[in-house]
């Protein structure tokens, strides 16, 4: 198997997750700057891997599978670390992580039925809000003035996670109903 550049970037994002967690949870001077840099480098690979794959015609099954996994590992790893540091309330992170598992499960069920639930504008807004919130929360390790905007951003993350999760379920149910409506009734 030949590893193309977009897939290598996705794998780099996965590879950076444990480094981010260790940096955030290890006390040393400058950890918030190092942690933020790791996070921003990792999240930038999310933009570039997809862009490169589409531009170069290198969209692969592996990349399609790994990209959302890499996103979830990065965001969930960062948020769980921030709970440990008392910067994010556990219940909020449980809502966000729970939404990730629920939507992933929903997509797996849909895939098993031959249906694809594509990312929506809500999903993209969720990712953007997560990047802003995590970045601000990491900065709040050193700069306390970042804590209030970080907490506000985290409330947006939770709200968007709930709305986007509900949107995925609504679209899934619409697709299931439309599939069931096309199946002819059994003959008597």
N, C-alpha and C. Protein backbone atom coordinates (compact mmCIF):
# COMPACT_ATOMS: atom_id res chain seq x y z
N UNK A 1 0.85 -1.18 0.00
CA UNK A 1 0.00 0.00 0.00
C UNK A 1 0.89 1.24 0.00
N UNK A 2 0.61 2.15 -0.88
CA UNK A 2 1.35 3.41 -0.98
C UNK A 2 0.62 4.47 -0.15
N UNK A 3 1.36 5.13 0.72
CA UNK A 3 0.77 6.16 1.57
C UNK A 3 0.91 7.51 0.88
N UNK A 4 -0.22 8.12 0.53
CA UNK A 4 -0.15 9.42 -0.12
C UNK A 4 -0.05 10.53 0.93
N UNK A 5 0.25 11.74 0.49
CA UNK A 5 0.46 12.87 1.39
C UNK A 5 -0.79 13.20 2.23
N UNK A 6 -1.99 13.25 1.65
CA UNK A 6 -3.16 13.53 2.48
C UNK A 6 -3.33 12.51 3.62
N UNK A 7 -3.14 11.22 3.32
CA UNK A 7 -3.27 10.21 4.37
C UNK A 7 -2.16 10.33 5.40
N UNK A 8 -0.96 10.71 4.96
CA UNK A 8 0.15 10.92 5.89
C UNK A 8 -0.17 12.07 6.85
N UNK A 9 -0.82 13.12 6.35
CA UNK A 9 -1.21 14.23 7.22
C UNK A 9 -2.25 13.80 8.24
N UNK A 10 -3.19 12.97 7.81
CA UNK A 10 -4.19 12.45 8.74
C UNK A 10 -3.53 11.61 9.82
N UNK A 11 -2.59 10.76 9.42
CA UNK A 11 -1.86 9.94 10.40
C UNK A 11 -1.02 10.81 11.33
N UNK A 12 -0.47 11.90 10.82
CA UNK A 12 0.28 12.83 11.68
C UNK A 12 -0.64 13.40 12.75
N UNK A 13 -1.87 13.73 12.38
CA UNK A 13 -2.83 14.26 13.36
C UNK A 13 -3.06 13.24 14.47
N UNK A 14 -3.23 11.99 14.12
CA UNK A 14 -3.42 10.93 15.12
C UNK A 14 -2.16 10.79 15.97
N UNK A 15 -1.00 10.82 15.35
CA UNK A 15 0.28 10.67 16.03
C UNK A 15 0.50 11.80 17.04
N UNK A 16 0.02 13.00 16.76
CA UNK A 16 0.23 14.15 17.64
C UNK A 16 -0.66 14.13 18.89
N UNK A 17 -1.74 13.37 18.88
CA UNK A 17 -2.68 13.37 20.00
C UNK A 17 -2.00 12.99 21.32
N UNK A 18 -1.27 11.86 21.41
CA UNK A 18 -0.66 11.54 22.71
C UNK A 18 0.37 12.60 23.15
N UNK A 19 1.06 13.22 22.20
CA UNK A 19 2.00 14.28 22.57
C UNK A 19 1.26 15.47 23.16
N UNK A 20 0.13 15.82 22.57
CA UNK A 20 -0.67 16.92 23.10
C UNK A 20 -1.13 16.62 24.53
N UNK A 21 -1.64 15.42 24.74
CA UNK A 21 -2.14 15.04 26.07
C UNK A 21 -1.00 15.08 27.09
N UNK A 22 0.15 14.51 26.75
CA UNK A 22 1.29 14.50 27.68
C UNK A 22 1.74 15.92 27.99
N UNK A 23 1.84 16.76 26.98
CA UNK A 23 2.27 18.14 27.20
C UNK A 23 1.28 18.87 28.10
N UNK A 24 0.00 18.72 27.84
CA UNK A 24 -1.00 19.42 28.66
C UNK A 24 -0.99 18.94 30.11
N UNK A 25 -0.78 17.66 30.32
CA UNK A 25 -0.88 17.10 31.67
C UNK A 25 0.44 17.09 32.43
N UNK A 26 1.52 17.49 31.81
CA UNK A 26 2.82 17.56 32.48
C UNK A 26 3.11 19.01 32.82
N UNK A 27 3.43 19.24 34.07
CA UNK A 27 3.68 20.62 34.51
C UNK A 27 5.11 21.04 34.15
N UNK A 28 5.21 21.99 33.25
CA UNK A 28 6.50 22.62 32.95
C UNK A 28 6.22 24.01 32.38
N UNK A 29 7.19 24.88 32.53
CA UNK A 29 7.02 26.25 32.07
C UNK A 29 6.87 26.27 30.55
N UNK A 30 5.81 26.87 30.08
CA UNK A 30 5.57 26.99 28.65
C UNK A 30 4.72 25.88 28.06
N UNK A 31 4.18 25.00 28.91
CA UNK A 31 3.39 23.87 28.36
C UNK A 31 2.19 24.34 27.57
N UNK A 32 1.60 25.47 27.97
CA UNK A 32 0.42 25.95 27.26
C UNK A 32 0.78 26.40 25.85
N UNK A 33 1.95 27.00 25.67
CA UNK A 33 2.38 27.43 24.34
C UNK A 33 2.71 26.21 23.48
N UNK A 34 3.47 25.27 24.06
CA UNK A 34 3.81 24.04 23.34
C UNK A 34 2.54 23.26 23.01
N UNK A 35 1.64 23.16 23.99
CA UNK A 35 0.37 22.45 23.77
C UNK A 35 -0.46 23.10 22.68
N UNK A 36 -0.55 24.42 22.72
CA UNK A 36 -1.32 25.13 21.70
C UNK A 36 -0.70 24.94 20.31
N UNK A 37 0.62 24.99 20.23
CA UNK A 37 1.28 24.77 18.94
C UNK A 37 1.01 23.37 18.41
N UNK A 38 1.12 22.36 19.28
CA UNK A 38 0.83 20.99 18.84
C UNK A 38 -0.61 20.90 18.36
N UNK A 39 -1.54 21.48 19.13
CA UNK A 39 -2.95 21.43 18.76
C UNK A 39 -3.19 22.11 17.42
N UNK A 40 -2.62 23.29 17.23
CA UNK A 40 -2.85 24.03 15.98
C UNK A 40 -2.21 23.34 14.78
N UNK A 41 -1.03 22.76 14.97
CA UNK A 41 -0.41 21.99 13.87
C UNK A 41 -1.31 20.80 13.53
N UNK A 42 -1.76 20.09 14.57
CA UNK A 42 -2.61 18.91 14.35
C UNK A 42 -3.90 19.30 13.64
N UNK A 43 -4.54 20.36 14.10
CA UNK A 43 -5.82 20.73 13.51
C UNK A 43 -5.63 21.28 12.10
N UNK A 44 -4.49 21.89 11.82
CA UNK A 44 -4.26 22.38 10.45
C UNK A 44 -4.15 21.22 9.46
N UNK A 45 -3.70 20.06 9.93
CA UNK A 45 -3.65 18.90 9.03
C UNK A 45 -5.05 18.49 8.60
N UNK A 46 -6.06 18.81 9.42
CA UNK A 46 -7.44 18.47 9.05
C UNK A 46 -7.88 19.25 7.82
N UNK A 47 -7.47 20.49 7.73
CA UNK A 47 -7.79 21.29 6.55
C UNK A 47 -6.99 20.81 5.35
N UNK A 48 -5.69 20.66 5.54
CA UNK A 48 -4.82 20.37 4.40
C UNK A 48 -4.99 18.97 3.85
N UNK A 49 -5.29 17.97 4.70
CA UNK A 49 -5.42 16.62 4.15
C UNK A 49 -6.59 16.53 3.19
N UNK A 50 -7.73 17.09 3.57
CA UNK A 50 -8.90 17.05 2.69
C UNK A 50 -8.70 17.88 1.43
N UNK A 51 -8.14 19.06 1.59
CA UNK A 51 -7.90 19.94 0.45
C UNK A 51 -6.95 19.28 -0.55
N UNK A 52 -5.84 18.73 -0.03
CA UNK A 52 -4.89 18.06 -0.92
C UNK A 52 -5.50 16.84 -1.60
N UNK A 53 -6.25 16.06 -0.84
CA UNK A 53 -6.85 14.85 -1.41
C UNK A 53 -7.78 15.20 -2.57
N UNK A 54 -8.60 16.22 -2.38
CA UNK A 54 -9.52 16.62 -3.46
C UNK A 54 -8.76 17.25 -4.62
N UNK A 55 -7.82 18.10 -4.33
CA UNK A 55 -7.07 18.79 -5.39
C UNK A 55 -6.24 17.84 -6.23
N UNK A 56 -5.63 16.85 -5.58
CA UNK A 56 -4.76 15.90 -6.29
C UNK A 56 -5.50 14.66 -6.78
N UNK A 57 -6.78 14.58 -6.48
CA UNK A 57 -7.52 13.37 -6.85
C UNK A 57 -7.05 12.16 -6.07
N UNK A 58 -6.70 12.38 -4.79
CA UNK A 58 -6.18 11.30 -3.95
C UNK A 58 -7.12 10.96 -2.79
N UNK A 59 -8.40 11.12 -3.01
CA UNK A 59 -9.37 10.71 -1.99
C UNK A 59 -9.36 9.19 -1.95
N UNK A 60 -9.11 8.63 -0.77
CA UNK A 60 -9.02 7.17 -0.62
C UNK A 60 -9.99 6.68 0.44
N UNK A 61 -10.26 5.40 0.40
CA UNK A 61 -11.09 4.79 1.44
C UNK A 61 -10.43 4.94 2.80
N UNK A 62 -9.11 4.73 2.85
CA UNK A 62 -8.37 4.88 4.11
C UNK A 62 -8.51 6.29 4.66
N UNK A 63 -8.32 7.28 3.81
CA UNK A 63 -8.44 8.66 4.26
C UNK A 63 -9.85 9.00 4.71
N UNK A 64 -10.84 8.52 3.98
CA UNK A 64 -12.24 8.76 4.34
C UNK A 64 -12.56 8.13 5.69
N UNK A 65 -11.96 6.99 5.98
CA UNK A 65 -12.17 6.32 7.26
C UNK A 65 -11.41 7.00 8.39
N UNK A 66 -10.13 7.32 8.15
CA UNK A 66 -9.27 7.84 9.22
C UNK A 66 -9.53 9.30 9.57
N UNK A 67 -9.94 10.12 8.62
CA UNK A 67 -10.10 11.55 8.88
C UNK A 67 -11.04 11.85 10.05
N UNK A 68 -12.26 11.32 10.06
CA UNK A 68 -13.13 11.62 11.20
C UNK A 68 -12.63 11.00 12.50
N UNK A 69 -11.95 9.86 12.42
CA UNK A 69 -11.38 9.25 13.62
C UNK A 69 -10.30 10.16 14.19
N UNK A 70 -9.45 10.68 13.31
CA UNK A 70 -8.38 11.59 13.75
C UNK A 70 -8.97 12.84 14.41
N UNK A 71 -10.03 13.39 13.82
CA UNK A 71 -10.68 14.57 14.40
C UNK A 71 -11.19 14.27 15.80
N UNK A 72 -11.87 13.15 15.94
CA UNK A 72 -12.45 12.79 17.23
C UNK A 72 -11.37 12.54 18.28
N UNK A 73 -10.31 11.83 17.90
CA UNK A 73 -9.22 11.58 18.84
C UNK A 73 -8.60 12.89 19.31
N UNK A 74 -8.37 13.80 18.39
CA UNK A 74 -7.74 15.07 18.74
C UNK A 74 -8.63 15.90 19.67
N UNK A 75 -9.86 16.12 19.27
CA UNK A 75 -10.76 16.96 20.07
C UNK A 75 -11.07 16.30 21.41
N UNK A 76 -11.41 15.02 21.39
CA UNK A 76 -11.75 14.33 22.64
C UNK A 76 -10.54 14.24 23.57
N UNK A 77 -9.36 13.94 23.02
CA UNK A 77 -8.16 13.89 23.84
C UNK A 77 -7.86 15.22 24.50
N UNK A 78 -8.01 16.30 23.73
CA UNK A 78 -7.76 17.64 24.27
C UNK A 78 -8.79 17.98 25.35
N UNK A 79 -10.07 17.75 25.06
CA UNK A 79 -11.12 18.11 26.03
C UNK A 79 -11.01 17.30 27.31
N UNK A 80 -10.74 16.02 27.21
CA UNK A 80 -10.62 15.19 28.41
C UNK A 80 -9.42 15.65 29.24
N UNK A 81 -8.33 16.02 28.58
CA UNK A 81 -7.17 16.56 29.30
C UNK A 81 -7.54 17.85 30.02
N UNK A 82 -8.35 18.68 29.38
CA UNK A 82 -8.75 19.95 29.98
C UNK A 82 -9.69 19.74 31.16
N UNK A 83 -10.44 18.65 31.17
CA UNK A 83 -11.24 18.30 32.36
C UNK A 83 -10.29 17.98 33.51
N UNK A 84 -9.28 17.18 33.24
CA UNK A 84 -8.29 16.82 34.26
C UNK A 84 -7.61 18.06 34.84
N UNK A 85 -7.46 19.09 34.04
CA UNK A 85 -6.82 20.33 34.49
C UNK A 85 -7.82 21.31 35.11
N UNK A 86 -9.07 20.88 35.29
CA UNK A 86 -10.14 21.71 35.85
C UNK A 86 -10.43 22.96 35.02
N UNK A 87 -10.22 22.87 33.73
CA UNK A 87 -10.52 23.99 32.85
C UNK A 87 -11.82 23.80 32.09
N UNK A 88 -12.30 22.58 32.02
CA UNK A 88 -13.56 22.28 31.33
C UNK A 88 -14.41 21.41 32.25
N UNK A 89 -15.68 21.77 32.44
CA UNK A 89 -16.56 20.93 33.26
C UNK A 89 -16.76 19.56 32.61
N UNK A 90 -16.67 18.53 33.43
CA UNK A 90 -16.77 17.16 32.91
C UNK A 90 -18.09 16.93 32.18
N UNK A 91 -19.20 17.47 32.70
CA UNK A 91 -20.49 17.20 32.08
C UNK A 91 -20.54 17.74 30.65
N UNK A 92 -19.89 18.89 30.43
CA UNK A 92 -19.89 19.46 29.08
C UNK A 92 -19.09 18.57 28.12
N UNK A 93 -17.97 18.08 28.60
CA UNK A 93 -17.14 17.21 27.77
C UNK A 93 -17.86 15.89 27.51
N UNK A 94 -18.59 15.38 28.50
CA UNK A 94 -19.36 14.15 28.30
C UNK A 94 -20.40 14.37 27.20
N UNK A 95 -21.05 15.52 27.17
CA UNK A 95 -22.03 15.81 26.11
C UNK A 95 -21.35 15.80 24.74
N UNK A 96 -20.20 16.45 24.64
CA UNK A 96 -19.50 16.55 23.35
C UNK A 96 -18.98 15.18 22.92
N UNK A 97 -18.32 14.47 23.83
CA UNK A 97 -17.77 13.15 23.50
C UNK A 97 -18.90 12.16 23.22
N UNK A 98 -19.97 12.23 24.01
CA UNK A 98 -21.13 11.36 23.78
C UNK A 98 -21.74 11.60 22.42
N UNK A 99 -21.82 12.85 22.01
CA UNK A 99 -22.34 13.18 20.68
C UNK A 99 -21.46 12.57 19.60
N UNK A 100 -20.14 12.62 19.79
CA UNK A 100 -19.22 12.05 18.81
C UNK A 100 -19.46 10.55 18.65
N UNK A 101 -19.59 9.85 19.78
CA UNK A 101 -19.84 8.40 19.72
C UNK A 101 -21.20 8.11 19.10
N UNK A 102 -22.22 8.88 19.48
CA UNK A 102 -23.57 8.65 18.95
C UNK A 102 -23.61 8.85 17.43
N UNK A 103 -23.02 9.93 16.96
CA UNK A 103 -23.04 10.20 15.52
C UNK A 103 -22.19 9.17 14.77
N UNK A 104 -21.06 8.77 15.35
CA UNK A 104 -20.24 7.73 14.71
C UNK A 104 -21.01 6.42 14.61
N UNK A 105 -21.72 6.07 15.68
CA UNK A 105 -22.55 4.86 15.65
C UNK A 105 -23.65 4.96 14.62
N UNK A 106 -24.27 6.11 14.54
CA UNK A 106 -25.33 6.35 13.56
C UNK A 106 -24.79 6.22 12.14
N UNK A 107 -23.62 6.78 11.90
CA UNK A 107 -23.02 6.67 10.57
C UNK A 107 -22.68 5.22 10.24
N UNK A 108 -22.23 4.46 11.24
CA UNK A 108 -21.91 3.05 11.00
C UNK A 108 -23.18 2.27 10.64
N UNK A 109 -24.27 2.54 11.35
CA UNK A 109 -25.54 1.87 11.05
C UNK A 109 -26.00 2.25 9.64
N UNK A 110 -25.92 3.53 9.32
CA UNK A 110 -26.33 3.99 7.99
C UNK A 110 -25.47 3.34 6.91
N UNK A 111 -24.18 3.26 7.16
CA UNK A 111 -23.27 2.64 6.20
C UNK A 111 -23.63 1.18 5.98
N UNK A 112 -24.00 0.49 7.05
CA UNK A 112 -24.42 -0.91 6.94
C UNK A 112 -25.67 -1.07 6.10
N UNK A 113 -26.47 -0.01 6.02
CA UNK A 113 -27.68 -0.03 5.20
C UNK A 113 -27.43 0.55 3.81
N UNK A 114 -26.16 0.84 3.52
CA UNK A 114 -25.83 1.38 2.21
C UNK A 114 -26.11 2.87 2.07
N UNK A 115 -26.25 3.56 3.18
CA UNK A 115 -26.55 4.99 3.18
C UNK A 115 -25.36 5.75 3.75
N UNK A 116 -25.09 6.90 3.18
CA UNK A 116 -24.02 7.76 3.68
C UNK A 116 -24.64 9.02 4.26
N UNK A 117 -24.26 9.33 5.50
CA UNK A 117 -24.70 10.58 6.10
C UNK A 117 -23.51 11.53 6.03
N UNK A 118 -23.60 12.48 5.14
CA UNK A 118 -22.50 13.40 4.90
C UNK A 118 -22.43 14.47 5.99
N UNK A 119 -21.24 15.05 6.13
CA UNK A 119 -21.07 16.15 7.08
C UNK A 119 -21.95 17.32 6.64
N UNK A 120 -22.46 18.02 7.63
CA UNK A 120 -23.33 19.16 7.34
C UNK A 120 -22.63 20.45 7.76
N UNK A 121 -23.28 21.56 7.47
CA UNK A 121 -22.76 22.86 7.91
C UNK A 121 -22.69 22.89 9.43
N UNK A 122 -23.65 22.24 10.10
CA UNK A 122 -23.62 22.18 11.57
C UNK A 122 -22.38 21.45 12.06
N UNK A 123 -22.03 20.38 11.39
CA UNK A 123 -20.84 19.63 11.77
C UNK A 123 -19.58 20.46 11.61
N UNK A 124 -19.54 21.25 10.55
CA UNK A 124 -18.37 22.12 10.33
C UNK A 124 -18.34 23.24 11.37
N UNK A 125 -19.50 23.78 11.72
CA UNK A 125 -19.57 24.81 12.77
C UNK A 125 -19.14 24.22 14.11
N UNK A 126 -19.52 22.97 14.36
CA UNK A 126 -19.13 22.30 15.60
C UNK A 126 -17.61 22.20 15.68
N UNK A 127 -16.99 21.77 14.59
CA UNK A 127 -15.53 21.62 14.59
C UNK A 127 -14.85 22.97 14.80
N UNK A 128 -15.34 24.01 14.12
CA UNK A 128 -14.75 25.34 14.29
C UNK A 128 -14.88 25.80 15.74
N UNK A 129 -16.06 25.64 16.32
CA UNK A 129 -16.26 26.08 17.71
C UNK A 129 -15.38 25.28 18.67
N UNK A 130 -15.17 24.00 18.38
CA UNK A 130 -14.30 23.18 19.22
C UNK A 130 -12.86 23.67 19.16
N UNK A 131 -12.40 24.02 17.98
CA UNK A 131 -11.03 24.52 17.82
C UNK A 131 -10.85 25.81 18.61
N UNK A 132 -11.81 26.72 18.51
CA UNK A 132 -11.74 27.99 19.24
C UNK A 132 -11.74 27.72 20.74
N UNK A 133 -12.68 26.90 21.21
CA UNK A 133 -12.80 26.64 22.65
C UNK A 133 -11.55 25.96 23.20
N UNK A 134 -11.07 24.92 22.53
CA UNK A 134 -9.88 24.20 23.01
C UNK A 134 -8.68 25.14 23.02
N UNK A 135 -8.51 25.93 21.97
CA UNK A 135 -7.38 26.87 21.92
C UNK A 135 -7.43 27.85 23.08
N UNK A 136 -8.60 28.42 23.34
CA UNK A 136 -8.74 29.38 24.45
C UNK A 136 -8.53 28.70 25.80
N UNK A 137 -9.04 27.48 25.95
CA UNK A 137 -8.86 26.76 27.22
C UNK A 137 -7.39 26.44 27.46
N UNK A 138 -6.67 26.08 26.42
CA UNK A 138 -5.23 25.83 26.58
C UNK A 138 -4.52 27.13 26.98
N UNK A 139 -4.87 28.22 26.33
CA UNK A 139 -4.27 29.51 26.69
C UNK A 139 -4.59 29.91 28.13
N UNK A 140 -5.76 29.51 28.62
CA UNK A 140 -6.17 29.85 29.99
C UNK A 140 -5.27 29.19 31.03
N UNK A 141 -4.48 28.20 30.62
CA UNK A 141 -3.50 27.63 31.56
C UNK A 141 -2.53 28.71 32.03
N UNK A 142 -2.22 29.65 31.17
CA UNK A 142 -1.27 30.72 31.53
C UNK A 142 -1.96 32.07 31.67
N UNK A 143 -2.89 32.34 30.80
CA UNK A 143 -3.52 33.67 30.75
C UNK A 143 -4.95 33.56 31.27
N UNK A 144 -5.15 33.95 32.52
CA UNK A 144 -6.47 33.78 33.14
C UNK A 144 -7.54 34.60 32.42
N UNK A 145 -7.14 35.68 31.75
CA UNK A 145 -8.15 36.48 31.03
C UNK A 145 -8.76 35.72 29.86
N UNK A 146 -8.15 34.63 29.46
CA UNK A 146 -8.71 33.80 28.38
C UNK A 146 -9.79 32.85 28.89
N UNK A 147 -9.90 32.72 30.22
CA UNK A 147 -10.83 31.74 30.78
C UNK A 147 -12.29 32.07 30.49
N UNK A 148 -12.71 33.30 30.66
CA UNK A 148 -14.12 33.65 30.40
C UNK A 148 -14.49 33.43 28.94
N UNK A 149 -13.71 33.96 27.97
CA UNK A 149 -14.06 33.66 26.58
C UNK A 149 -14.02 32.16 26.27
N UNK A 150 -13.12 31.44 26.93
CA UNK A 150 -13.03 29.99 26.72
C UNK A 150 -14.28 29.30 27.21
N UNK A 151 -14.78 29.71 28.37
CA UNK A 151 -16.01 29.10 28.92
C UNK A 151 -17.21 29.43 28.03
N UNK A 152 -17.28 30.65 27.54
CA UNK A 152 -18.37 31.02 26.62
C UNK A 152 -18.28 30.17 25.35
N UNK A 153 -17.07 30.04 24.82
CA UNK A 153 -16.88 29.21 23.62
C UNK A 153 -17.28 27.77 23.88
N UNK A 154 -16.99 27.27 25.07
CA UNK A 154 -17.35 25.89 25.40
C UNK A 154 -18.87 25.71 25.46
N UNK A 155 -19.59 26.73 25.93
CA UNK A 155 -21.05 26.66 25.90
C UNK A 155 -21.55 26.58 24.45
N UNK A 156 -20.92 27.34 23.56
CA UNK A 156 -21.28 27.24 22.14
C UNK A 156 -21.00 25.84 21.61
N UNK A 157 -19.88 25.26 22.01
CA UNK A 157 -19.54 23.89 21.58
C UNK A 157 -20.64 22.92 21.98
N UNK A 158 -21.07 23.01 23.24
CA UNK A 158 -22.11 22.10 23.73
C UNK A 158 -23.41 22.31 22.96
N UNK A 159 -23.80 23.57 22.78
CA UNK A 159 -25.05 23.86 22.05
C UNK A 159 -24.98 23.34 20.62
N UNK A 160 -23.87 23.61 19.94
CA UNK A 160 -23.74 23.17 18.55
C UNK A 160 -23.64 21.65 18.48
N UNK A 161 -23.00 21.03 19.46
CA UNK A 161 -22.92 19.56 19.48
C UNK A 161 -24.32 18.96 19.57
N UNK A 162 -25.15 19.53 20.41
CA UNK A 162 -26.52 19.02 20.57
C UNK A 162 -27.32 19.24 19.28
N UNK A 163 -27.26 20.45 18.74
CA UNK A 163 -28.02 20.76 17.53
C UNK A 163 -27.53 19.93 16.35
N UNK A 164 -26.21 19.84 16.18
CA UNK A 164 -25.69 19.07 15.04
C UNK A 164 -25.96 17.58 15.21
N UNK A 165 -25.90 17.09 16.45
CA UNK A 165 -26.23 15.68 16.70
C UNK A 165 -27.68 15.40 16.36
N UNK A 166 -28.57 16.30 16.77
CA UNK A 166 -30.00 16.14 16.44
C UNK A 166 -30.21 16.19 14.93
N UNK A 167 -29.46 17.05 14.25
CA UNK A 167 -29.56 17.16 12.79
C UNK A 167 -29.14 15.86 12.11
N UNK A 168 -28.06 15.24 12.59
CA UNK A 168 -27.64 13.96 12.03
C UNK A 168 -28.72 12.90 12.22
N UNK A 169 -29.32 12.85 13.41
CA UNK A 169 -30.38 11.87 13.67
C UNK A 169 -31.59 12.14 12.79
N UNK A 170 -31.95 13.41 12.61
CA UNK A 170 -33.09 13.76 11.76
C UNK A 170 -32.83 13.30 10.32
N UNK A 171 -31.65 13.59 9.81
CA UNK A 171 -31.33 13.19 8.44
C UNK A 171 -31.29 11.67 8.30
N UNK A 172 -30.77 10.99 9.31
CA UNK A 172 -30.75 9.53 9.30
C UNK A 172 -32.17 8.99 9.23
N UNK A 173 -33.05 9.50 10.08
CA UNK A 173 -34.43 9.02 10.10
C UNK A 173 -35.13 9.31 8.77
N UNK A 174 -34.88 10.46 8.18
CA UNK A 174 -35.46 10.77 6.86
C UNK A 174 -35.00 9.76 5.82
N UNK A 175 -33.73 9.42 5.84
CA UNK A 175 -33.20 8.46 4.86
C UNK A 175 -33.78 7.08 5.10
N UNK A 176 -33.92 6.68 6.36
CA UNK A 176 -34.48 5.36 6.66
C UNK A 176 -35.93 5.30 6.20
N UNK A 177 -36.70 6.35 6.48
CA UNK A 177 -38.10 6.39 6.06
C UNK A 177 -38.21 6.36 4.54
N UNK A 178 -37.35 7.11 3.84
CA UNK A 178 -37.44 7.12 2.38
C UNK A 178 -37.04 5.77 1.80
N UNK A 179 -36.08 5.08 2.43
CA UNK A 179 -35.70 3.74 1.97
C UNK A 179 -36.85 2.77 2.21
N UNK A 180 -37.46 2.85 3.41
CA UNK A 180 -38.57 1.94 3.72
C UNK A 180 -39.77 2.20 2.82
N UNK A 181 -39.97 3.44 2.40
CA UNK A 181 -41.10 3.75 1.52
C UNK A 181 -40.89 3.22 0.10
N UNK A 182 -39.64 2.94 -0.27
CA UNK A 182 -39.38 2.41 -1.61
C UNK A 182 -39.42 0.89 -1.65
N UNK A 183 -39.46 0.26 -0.48
CA UNK A 183 -39.53 -1.21 -0.44
C UNK A 183 -40.98 -1.62 -0.65
N UNK A 184 -41.22 -2.46 -1.64
CA UNK A 184 -42.62 -2.87 -1.88
C UNK A 184 -43.12 -3.74 -0.72
N UNK A 185 -44.41 -3.63 -0.42
CA UNK A 185 -44.96 -4.45 0.67
C UNK A 185 -44.91 -5.93 0.28
N UNK A 186 -44.83 -6.81 1.27
CA UNK A 186 -44.80 -8.25 0.95
C UNK A 186 -46.11 -8.68 0.30
N UNK A 187 -45.98 -9.63 -0.61
CA UNK A 187 -47.17 -10.13 -1.29
C UNK A 187 -47.89 -11.12 -0.37
N UNK A 188 -49.23 -11.09 -0.41
CA UNK A 188 -50.01 -12.00 0.45
C UNK A 188 -49.94 -13.43 0.01
